[in-house]
Amino acid sequence: MFVARVVGHAVSSHCHPSLKGSKLMLCQAVDADDKPVGAPCIAIDLFGAGLHSKVFVSTDGLGARHLVHDDSSPIRNFIQGIVD
């Protein structure tokens, strides 16, 4: 799990069936000083995070596949909460 800032969203004309209807957000990991770290990643959003929201992102692939109810889903990351 890591802290990230939502920097955009992903749109796909074709996707894995397990991801249909899911809101996919582009999340940039940040350090303690809120500076970007590494490359951004895509995460499923269940909490309604908006652009520039600070969020907790989980990298638990098993948990992400459980959320979409499909053990063969390619998703690995999901937003676990929004930081106030």
PDB file of N, CA and C in Angstrom:
ATOM      1  N   MET A   1       0.850  -1.170   0.000  1.00  0.00           N
ATOM      2  CA  MET A   1       0.000   0.000   0.000  1.00  0.00           C
ATOM      3  C   MET A   1       0.895   1.232   0.000  1.00  0.00           C
ATOM      4  N   PHE A   2       0.449   2.272  -0.709  1.00  0.00           N
ATOM      5  CA  PHE A   2       1.202   3.511  -0.752  1.00  0.00           C
ATOM      6  C   PHE A   2       0.250   4.696  -0.895  1.00  0.00           C
ATOM      7  N   VAL A   3       0.763   5.885  -0.573  1.00  0.00           N
ATOM      8  CA  VAL A   3      -0.015   7.116  -0.710  1.00  0.00           C
ATOM      9  C   VAL A   3       0.233   7.670  -2.103  1.00  0.00           C
ATOM     10  N   ALA A   4      -0.833   8.132  -2.752  1.00  0.00           N
ATOM     11  CA  ALA A   4      -0.724   8.647  -4.114  1.00  0.00           C
ATOM     12  C   ALA A   4      -1.656   9.839  -4.304  1.00  0.00           C
ATOM     13  N   ARG A   5      -1.441  10.533  -5.386  1.00  0.00           N
ATOM     14  CA  ARG A   5      -2.307  11.639  -5.787  1.00  0.00           C
ATOM     15  C   ARG A   5      -2.962  11.221  -7.103  1.00  0.00           C
ATOM     16  N   VAL A   6      -4.284  11.417  -7.228  1.00  0.00           N
ATOM     17  CA  VAL A   6      -4.992  11.111  -8.474  1.00  0.00           C
ATOM     18  C   VAL A   6      -4.637  12.199  -9.483  1.00  0.00           C
ATOM     19  N   VAL A   7      -4.061  11.773 -10.616  1.00  0.00           N
ATOM     20  CA  VAL A   7      -3.617  12.732 -11.625  1.00  0.00           C
ATOM     21  C   VAL A   7      -4.412  12.624 -12.924  1.00  0.00           C
ATOM     22  N   GLY A   8      -5.357  11.700 -12.985  1.00  0.00           N
ATOM     23  CA  GLY A   8      -6.168  11.541 -14.191  1.00  0.00           C
ATOM     24  C   GLY A   8      -7.045  10.313 -14.096  1.00  0.00           C
ATOM     25  N   HIS A   9      -7.697   9.997 -15.196  1.00  0.00           N
ATOM     26  CA  HIS A   9      -8.528   8.801 -15.253  1.00  0.00           C
ATOM     27  C   HIS A   9      -8.241   8.066 -16.553  1.00  0.00           C
ATOM     28  N   ALA A  10      -8.592   6.796 -16.601  1.00  0.00           N
ATOM     29  CA  ALA A  10      -8.355   5.972 -17.781  1.00  0.00           C
ATOM     30  C   ALA A  10      -9.681   5.656 -18.450  1.00  0.00           C
ATOM     31  N   VAL A  11      -9.662   5.721 -19.770  1.00  0.00           N
ATOM     32  CA  VAL A  11     -10.833   5.377 -20.574  1.00  0.00           C
ATOM     33  C   VAL A  11     -10.394   4.342 -21.594  1.00  0.00           C
ATOM     34  N   SER A  12     -11.207   3.304 -21.773  1.00  0.00           N
ATOM     35  CA  SER A  12     -10.848   2.244 -22.710  1.00  0.00           C
ATOM     36  C   SER A  12     -12.051   1.865 -23.547  1.00  0.00           C
ATOM     37  N   SER A  13     -11.834   1.723 -24.830  1.00  0.00           N
ATOM     38  CA  SER A  13     -12.929   1.284 -25.694  1.00  0.00           C
ATOM     39  C   SER A  13     -13.097  -0.233 -25.627  1.00  0.00           C
ATOM     40  N   HIS A  14     -12.023  -0.939 -25.269  1.00  0.00           N
ATOM     41  CA  HIS A  14     -12.064  -2.388 -25.078  1.00  0.00           C
ATOM     42  C   HIS A  14     -11.355  -2.700 -23.771  1.00  0.00           C
ATOM     43  N   CYS A  15     -11.971  -3.543 -22.958  1.00  0.00           N
ATOM     44  CA  CYS A  15     -11.336  -3.910 -21.692  1.00  0.00           C
ATOM     45  C   CYS A  15     -11.743  -5.325 -21.309  1.00  0.00           C
ATOM     46  N   HIS A  16     -11.068  -5.846 -20.320  1.00  0.00           N
ATOM     47  CA  HIS A  16     -11.403  -7.160 -19.785  1.00  0.00           C
ATOM     48  C   HIS A  16     -12.835  -7.091 -19.246  1.00  0.00           C
ATOM     49  N   PRO A  17     -13.643  -8.112 -19.456  1.00  0.00           N
ATOM     50  CA  PRO A  17     -15.040  -8.077 -18.988  1.00  0.00           C
ATOM     51  C   PRO A  17     -15.195  -7.742 -17.503  1.00  0.00           C
ATOM     52  N   SER A  18     -14.236  -8.111 -16.682  1.00  0.00           N
ATOM     53  CA  SER A  18     -14.341  -7.846 -15.246  1.00  0.00           C
ATOM     54  C   SER A  18     -14.227  -6.362 -14.912  1.00  0.00           C
ATOM     55  N   LEU A  19     -13.716  -5.551 -15.835  1.00  0.00           N
ATOM     56  CA  LEU A  19     -13.512  -4.134 -15.570  1.00  0.00           C
ATOM     57  C   LEU A  19     -14.607  -3.244 -16.142  1.00  0.00           C
ATOM     58  N   LYS A  20     -15.568  -3.829 -16.829  1.00  0.00           N
ATOM     59  CA  LYS A  20     -16.665  -3.032 -17.381  1.00  0.00           C
ATOM     60  C   LYS A  20     -17.435  -2.349 -16.262  1.00  0.00           C
ATOM     61  N   GLY A  21     -17.616  -1.054 -16.397  1.00  0.00           N
ATOM     62  CA  GLY A  21     -18.343  -0.279 -15.395  1.00  0.00           C
ATOM     63  C   GLY A  21     -17.484   0.190 -14.236  1.00  0.00           C
ATOM     64  N   SER A  22     -16.220  -0.212 -14.190  1.00  0.00           N
ATOM     65  CA  SER A  22     -15.326   0.213 -13.119  1.00  0.00           C
ATOM     66  C   SER A  22     -14.717   1.569 -13.455  1.00  0.00           C
ATOM     67  N   LYS A  23     -14.561   2.402 -12.437  1.00  0.00           N
ATOM     68  CA  LYS A  23     -13.902   3.696 -12.599  1.00  0.00           C
ATOM     69  C   LYS A  23     -12.411   3.473 -12.376  1.00  0.00           C
ATOM     70  N   LEU A  24     -11.613   3.762 -13.394  1.00  0.00           N
ATOM     71  CA  LEU A  24     -10.169   3.555 -13.315  1.00  0.00           C
ATOM     72  C   LEU A  24      -9.464   4.904 -13.230  1.00  0.00           C
ATOM     73  N   MET A  25      -8.642   5.071 -12.204  1.00  0.00           N
ATOM     74  CA  MET A  25      -7.959   6.330 -11.971  1.00  0.00           C
ATOM     75  C   MET A  25      -6.450   6.161 -12.146  1.00  0.00           C
ATOM     76  N   LEU A  26      -5.815   7.199 -12.668  1.00  0.00           N
ATOM     77  CA  LEU A  26      -4.369   7.239 -12.807  1.00  0.00           C
ATOM     78  C   LEU A  26      -3.805   7.852 -11.524  1.00  0.00           C
ATOM     79  N   CYS A  27      -3.011   7.084 -10.794  1.00  0.00           N
ATOM     80  CA  CYS A  27      -2.508   7.496  -9.481  1.00  0.00           C
ATOM     81  C   CYS A  27      -0.989   7.609  -9.497  1.00  0.00           C
ATOM     82  N   GLN A  28      -0.484   8.743  -9.013  1.00  0.00           N
ATOM     83  CA  GLN A  28       0.950   8.990  -8.922  1.00  0.00           C
ATOM     84  C   GLN A  28       1.374   8.886  -7.466  1.00  0.00           C
ATOM     85  N   ALA A  29       2.271   7.941  -7.160  1.00  0.00           N
ATOM     86  CA  ALA A  29       2.784   7.800  -5.796  1.00  0.00           C
ATOM     87  C   ALA A  29       3.497   9.087  -5.388  1.00  0.00           C
ATOM     88  N   VAL A  30       3.365   9.457  -4.108  1.00  0.00           N
ATOM     89  CA  VAL A  30       4.019  10.664  -3.589  1.00  0.00           C
ATOM     90  C   VAL A  30       4.774  10.316  -2.303  1.00  0.00           C
ATOM     91  N   ASP A  31       5.810  11.117  -2.013  1.00  0.00           N
ATOM     92  CA  ASP A  31       6.570  10.919  -0.782  1.00  0.00           C
ATOM     93  C   ASP A  31       5.984  11.778   0.342  1.00  0.00           C
ATOM     94  N   ALA A  32       6.676  11.831   1.462  1.00  0.00           N
ATOM     95  CA  ALA A  32       6.185  12.576   2.629  1.00  0.00           C
ATOM     96  C   ALA A  32       6.065  14.074   2.362  1.00  0.00           C
ATOM     97  N   ASP A  33       6.823  14.578   1.383  1.00  0.00           N
ATOM     98  CA  ASP A  33       6.763  15.998   1.025  1.00  0.00           C
ATOM     99  C   ASP A  33       5.800  16.259  -0.133  1.00  0.00           C
ATOM    100  N   ASP A  34       5.001  15.252  -0.491  1.00  0.00           N
ATOM    101  CA  ASP A  34       4.024  15.333  -1.575  1.00  0.00           C
ATOM    102  C   ASP A  34       4.669  15.486  -2.951  1.00  0.00           C
ATOM    103  N   LYS A  35       5.906  15.005  -3.095  1.00  0.00           N
ATOM    104  CA  LYS A  35       6.613  15.028  -4.372  1.00  0.00           C
ATOM    105  C   LYS A  35       6.387  13.696  -5.091  1.00  0.00           C
ATOM    106  N   PRO A  36       6.195  13.716  -6.425  1.00  0.00           N
ATOM    107  CA  PRO A  36       5.979  12.479  -7.186  1.00  0.00           C
ATOM    108  C   PRO A  36       7.152  11.508  -7.056  1.00  0.00           C
ATOM    109  N   VAL A  37       6.818  10.216  -6.974  1.00  0.00           N
ATOM    110  CA  VAL A  37       7.815   9.159  -6.864  1.00  0.00           C
ATOM    111  C   VAL A  37       7.464   8.063  -7.867  1.00  0.00           C
ATOM    112  N   GLY A  38       8.379   7.710  -8.747  1.00  0.00           N
ATOM    113  CA  GLY A  38       8.158   6.613  -9.681  1.00  0.00           C
ATOM    114  C   GLY A  38       7.134   6.923 -10.752  1.00  0.00           C
ATOM    115  N   ALA A  39       6.700   5.864 -11.409  1.00  0.00           N
ATOM    116  CA  ALA A  39       5.734   5.974 -12.509  1.00  0.00           C
ATOM    117  C   ALA A  39       4.305   5.877 -11.973  1.00  0.00           C
ATOM    118  N   PRO A  40       3.352   6.533 -12.634  1.00  0.00           N
ATOM    119  CA  PRO A  40       1.951   6.414 -12.207  1.00  0.00           C
ATOM    120  C   PRO A  40       1.407   5.012 -12.483  1.00  0.00           C
ATOM    121  N   CYS A  41       0.321   4.667 -11.818  1.00  0.00           N
ATOM    122  CA  CYS A  41      -0.328   3.369 -12.023  1.00  0.00           C
ATOM    123  C   CYS A  41      -1.834   3.568 -12.149  1.00  0.00           C
ATOM    124  N   ILE A  42      -2.508   2.557 -12.655  1.00  0.00           N
ATOM    125  CA  ILE A  42      -3.970   2.563 -12.771  1.00  0.00           C
ATOM    126  C   ILE A  42      -4.541   1.803 -11.581  1.00  0.00           C
ATOM    127  N   ALA A  43      -5.597   2.358 -10.963  1.00  0.00           N
ATOM    128  CA  ALA A  43      -6.246   1.699  -9.826  1.00  0.00           C
ATOM    129  C   ALA A  43      -7.760   1.832  -9.948  1.00  0.00           C
ATOM    130  N   ILE A  44      -8.478   0.804  -9.525  1.00  0.00           N
ATOM    131  CA  ILE A  44      -9.940   0.855  -9.466  1.00  0.00           C
ATOM    132  C   ILE A  44     -10.335   1.790  -8.338  1.00  0.00           C
ATOM    133  N   ASP A  45     -11.332   2.634  -8.585  1.00  0.00           N
ATOM    134  CA  ASP A  45     -11.799   3.583  -7.564  1.00  0.00           C
ATOM    135  C   ASP A  45     -13.205   3.204  -7.120  1.00  0.00           C
ATOM    136  N   LEU A  46     -13.347   2.870  -5.841  1.00  0.00           N
ATOM    137  CA  LEU A  46     -14.658   2.535  -5.275  1.00  0.00           C
ATOM    138  C   LEU A  46     -15.185   3.639  -4.372  1.00  0.00           C
ATOM    139  N   PHE A  47     -14.377   4.685  -4.146  1.00  0.00           N
ATOM    140  CA  PHE A  47     -14.721   5.702  -3.166  1.00  0.00           C
ATOM    141  C   PHE A  47     -15.117   7.044  -3.766  1.00  0.00           C
ATOM    142  N   GLY A  48     -15.042   7.193  -5.073  1.00  0.00           N
ATOM    143  CA  GLY A  48     -15.393   8.461  -5.684  1.00  0.00           C
ATOM    144  C   GLY A  48     -14.303   9.498  -5.584  1.00  0.00           C
ATOM    145  N   ALA A  49     -13.062   9.052  -5.620  1.00  0.00           N
ATOM    146  CA  ALA A  49     -11.938   9.998  -5.578  1.00  0.00           C
ATOM    147  C   ALA A  49     -11.955  10.863  -6.830  1.00  0.00           C
ATOM    148  N   GLY A  50     -11.646  12.119  -6.663  1.00  0.00           N
ATOM    149  CA  GLY A  50     -11.615  13.031  -7.787  1.00  0.00           C
ATOM    150  C   GLY A  50     -10.194  13.407  -8.159  1.00  0.00           C
ATOM    151  N   LEU A  51     -10.069  14.188  -9.208  1.00  0.00           N
ATOM    152  CA  LEU A  51      -8.772  14.667  -9.655  1.00  0.00           C
ATOM    153  C   LEU A  51      -8.082  15.424  -8.523  1.00  0.00           C
ATOM    154  N   HIS A  52      -6.822  15.152  -8.298  1.00  0.00           N
ATOM    155  CA  HIS A  52      -5.971  15.755  -7.264  1.00  0.00           C
ATOM    156  C   HIS A  52      -6.254  15.246  -5.855  1.00  0.00           C
ATOM    157  N   SER A  53      -7.141  14.267  -5.689  1.00  0.00           N
ATOM    158  CA  SER A  53      -7.374  13.683  -4.368  1.00  0.00           C
ATOM    159  C   SER A  53      -6.142  12.901  -3.925  1.00  0.00           C
ATOM    160  N   LYS A  54      -5.850  12.950  -2.635  1.00  0.00           N
ATOM    161  CA  LYS A  54      -4.778  12.139  -2.064  1.00  0.00           C
ATOM    162  C   LYS A  54      -5.422  10.846  -1.584  1.00  0.00           C
ATOM    163  N   VAL A  55      -4.882   9.697  -1.991  1.00  0.00           N
ATOM    164  CA  VAL A  55      -5.515   8.409  -1.732  1.00  0.00           C
ATOM    165  C   VAL A  55      -4.508   7.377  -1.248  1.00  0.00           C
ATOM    166  N   PHE A  56      -5.029   6.318  -0.622  1.00  0.00           N
ATOM    167  CA  PHE A  56      -4.243   5.130  -0.320  1.00  0.00           C
ATOM    168  C   PHE A  56      -4.502   4.140  -1.447  1.00  0.00           C
ATOM    169  N   VAL A  57      -3.443   3.613  -2.051  1.00  0.00           N
ATOM    170  CA  VAL A  57      -3.580   2.626  -3.116  1.00  0.00           C
ATOM    171  C   VAL A  57      -3.023   1.297  -2.620  1.00  0.00           C
ATOM    172  N   SER A  58      -3.823   0.249  -2.740  1.00  0.00           N
ATOM    173  CA  SER A  58      -3.380  -1.086  -2.375  1.00  0.00           C
ATOM    174  C   SER A  58      -2.878  -1.797  -3.623  1.00  0.00           C
ATOM    175  N   THR A  59      -1.780  -2.528  -3.480  1.00  0.00           N
ATOM    176  CA  THR A  59      -1.223  -3.297  -4.590  1.00  0.00           C
ATOM    177  C   THR A  59      -1.537  -4.784  -4.446  1.00  0.00           C
ATOM    178  N   ASP A  60      -2.527  -5.110  -3.651  1.00  0.00           N
ATOM    179  CA  ASP A  60      -2.932  -6.492  -3.418  1.00  0.00           C
ATOM    180  C   ASP A  60      -3.787  -6.982  -4.592  1.00  0.00           C
ATOM    181  N   GLY A  61      -3.167  -7.667  -5.528  1.00  0.00           N
ATOM    182  CA  GLY A  61      -3.868  -8.162  -6.708  1.00  0.00           C
ATOM    183  C   GLY A  61      -5.025  -9.088  -6.372  1.00  0.00           C
ATOM    184  N   LEU A  62      -4.852  -9.942  -5.376  1.00  0.00           N
ATOM    185  CA  LEU A  62      -5.920 -10.858  -4.970  1.00  0.00           C
ATOM    186  C   LEU A  62      -7.124 -10.068  -4.467  1.00  0.00           C
ATOM    187  N   GLY A  63      -6.860  -9.027  -3.672  1.00  0.00           N
ATOM    188  CA  GLY A  63      -7.948  -8.178  -3.182  1.00  0.00           C
ATOM    189  C   GLY A  63      -8.652  -7.453  -4.306  1.00  0.00           C
ATOM    190  N   ALA A  64      -7.896  -6.959  -5.279  1.00  0.00           N
ATOM    191  CA  ALA A  64      -8.485  -6.256  -6.425  1.00  0.00           C
ATOM    192  C   ALA A  64      -9.358  -7.201  -7.242  1.00  0.00           C
ATOM    193  N   ARG A  65      -8.884  -8.409  -7.470  1.00  0.00           N
ATOM    194  CA  ARG A  65      -9.684  -9.388  -8.234  1.00  0.00           C
ATOM    195  C   ARG A  65     -10.933  -9.782  -7.456  1.00  0.00           C
ATOM    196  N   HIS A  66     -10.841  -9.806  -6.140  1.00  0.00           N
ATOM    197  CA  HIS A  66     -12.011 -10.101  -5.312  1.00  0.00           C
ATOM    198  C   HIS A  66     -13.065  -8.997  -5.471  1.00  0.00           C
ATOM    199  N   LEU A  67     -12.619  -7.741  -5.577  1.00  0.00           N
ATOM    200  CA  LEU A  67     -13.551  -6.617  -5.729  1.00  0.00           C
ATOM    201  C   LEU A  67     -14.335  -6.677  -7.034  1.00  0.00           C
ATOM    202  N   VAL A  68     -13.700  -7.200  -8.097  1.00  0.00           N
ATOM    203  CA  VAL A  68     -14.390  -7.285  -9.390  1.00  0.00           C
ATOM    204  C   VAL A  68     -15.012  -8.664  -9.601  1.00  0.00           C
ATOM    205  N   HIS A  69     -14.898  -9.537  -8.604  1.00  0.00           N
ATOM    206  CA  HIS A  69     -15.511 -10.877  -8.623  1.00  0.00           C
ATOM    207  C   HIS A  69     -15.056 -11.717  -9.813  1.00  0.00           C
ATOM    208  N   ASP A  70     -13.744 -11.669 -10.120  1.00  0.00           N
ATOM    209  CA  ASP A  70     -13.210 -12.435 -11.247  1.00  0.00           C
ATOM    210  C   ASP A  70     -11.751 -12.781 -10.970  1.00  0.00           C
ATOM    211  N   ASP A  71     -11.473 -14.074 -10.746  1.00  0.00           N
ATOM    212  CA  ASP A  71     -10.115 -14.514 -10.432  1.00  0.00           C
ATOM    213  C   ASP A  71      -9.152 -14.385 -11.608  1.00  0.00           C
ATOM    214  N   SER A  72      -9.680 -14.179 -12.821  1.00  0.00           N
ATOM    215  CA  SER A  72      -8.801 -14.058 -13.986  1.00  0.00           C
ATOM    216  C   SER A  72      -8.605 -12.600 -14.421  1.00  0.00           C
ATOM    217  N   SER A  73      -9.113 -11.663 -13.655  1.00  0.00           N
ATOM    218  CA  SER A  73      -9.000 -10.243 -14.000  1.00  0.00           C
ATOM    219  C   SER A  73      -7.542  -9.786 -13.970  1.00  0.00           C
ATOM    220  N   PRO A  74      -7.140  -8.922 -14.905  1.00  0.00           N
ATOM    221  CA  PRO A  74      -5.753  -8.443 -14.923  1.00  0.00           C
ATOM    222  C   PRO A  74      -5.482  -7.293 -13.944  1.00  0.00           C
ATOM    223  N   ILE A  75      -6.496  -6.825 -13.229  1.00  0.00           N
ATOM    224  CA  ILE A  75      -6.327  -5.673 -12.342  1.00  0.00           C
ATOM    225  C   ILE A  75      -5.498  -6.049 -11.115  1.00  0.00           C
ATOM    226  N   ARG A  76      -4.665  -5.123 -10.664  1.00  0.00           N
ATOM    227  CA  ARG A  76      -3.828  -5.386  -9.497  1.00  0.00           C
ATOM    228  C   ARG A  76      -4.000  -4.346  -8.396  1.00  0.00           C
ATOM    229  N   ASN A  77      -4.315  -3.084  -8.743  1.00  0.00           N
ATOM    230  CA  ASN A  77      -4.359  -1.983  -7.771  1.00  0.00           C
ATOM    231  C   ASN A  77      -5.776  -1.490  -7.555  1.00  0.00           C
ATOM    232  N   PHE A  78      -6.048  -1.048  -6.332  1.00  0.00           N
ATOM    233  CA  PHE A  78      -7.332  -0.404  -6.058  1.00  0.00           C
ATOM    234  C   PHE A  78      -7.163   0.663  -4.997  1.00  0.00           C
ATOM    235  N   ILE A  79      -7.988   1.698  -5.101  1.00  0.00           N
ATOM    236  CA  ILE A  79      -7.960   2.768  -4.118  1.00  0.00           C
ATOM    237  C   ILE A  79      -8.655   2.254  -2.868  1.00  0.00           C
ATOM    238  N   GLN A  80      -7.924   2.284  -1.764  1.00  0.00           N
ATOM    239  CA  GLN A  80      -8.420   1.723  -0.512  1.00  0.00           C
ATOM    240  C   GLN A  80      -9.038   2.796   0.379  1.00  0.00           C
ATOM    241  N   GLY A  81      -8.753   4.057   0.114  1.00  0.00           N
ATOM    242  CA  GLY A  81      -9.329   5.130   0.910  1.00  0.00           C
ATOM    243  C   GLY A  81      -8.839   6.496   0.438  1.00  0.00           C
ATOM    244  N   ILE A  82      -9.544   7.533   0.855  1.00  0.00           N
ATOM    245  CA  ILE A  82      -9.188   8.906   0.524  1.00  0.00           C
ATOM    246  C   ILE A  82      -8.618   9.561   1.775  1.00  0.00           C
ATOM    247  N   VAL A  83      -7.478  10.235   1.629  1.00  0.00           N
ATOM    248  CA  VAL A  83      -6.839  10.913   2.760  1.00  0.00           C
ATOM    249  C   VAL A  83      -7.481  12.276   2.921  1.00  0.00           C
ATOM    250  N   ASP A  84      -7.944  12.596   4.135  1.00  0.00           N
ATOM    251  CA  ASP A  84      -8.536  13.922   4.393  1.00  0.00           C
ATOM    252  C   ASP A  84      -7.475  14.981   4.488  1.00  0.00           C
TER     253      ASP A  84
END
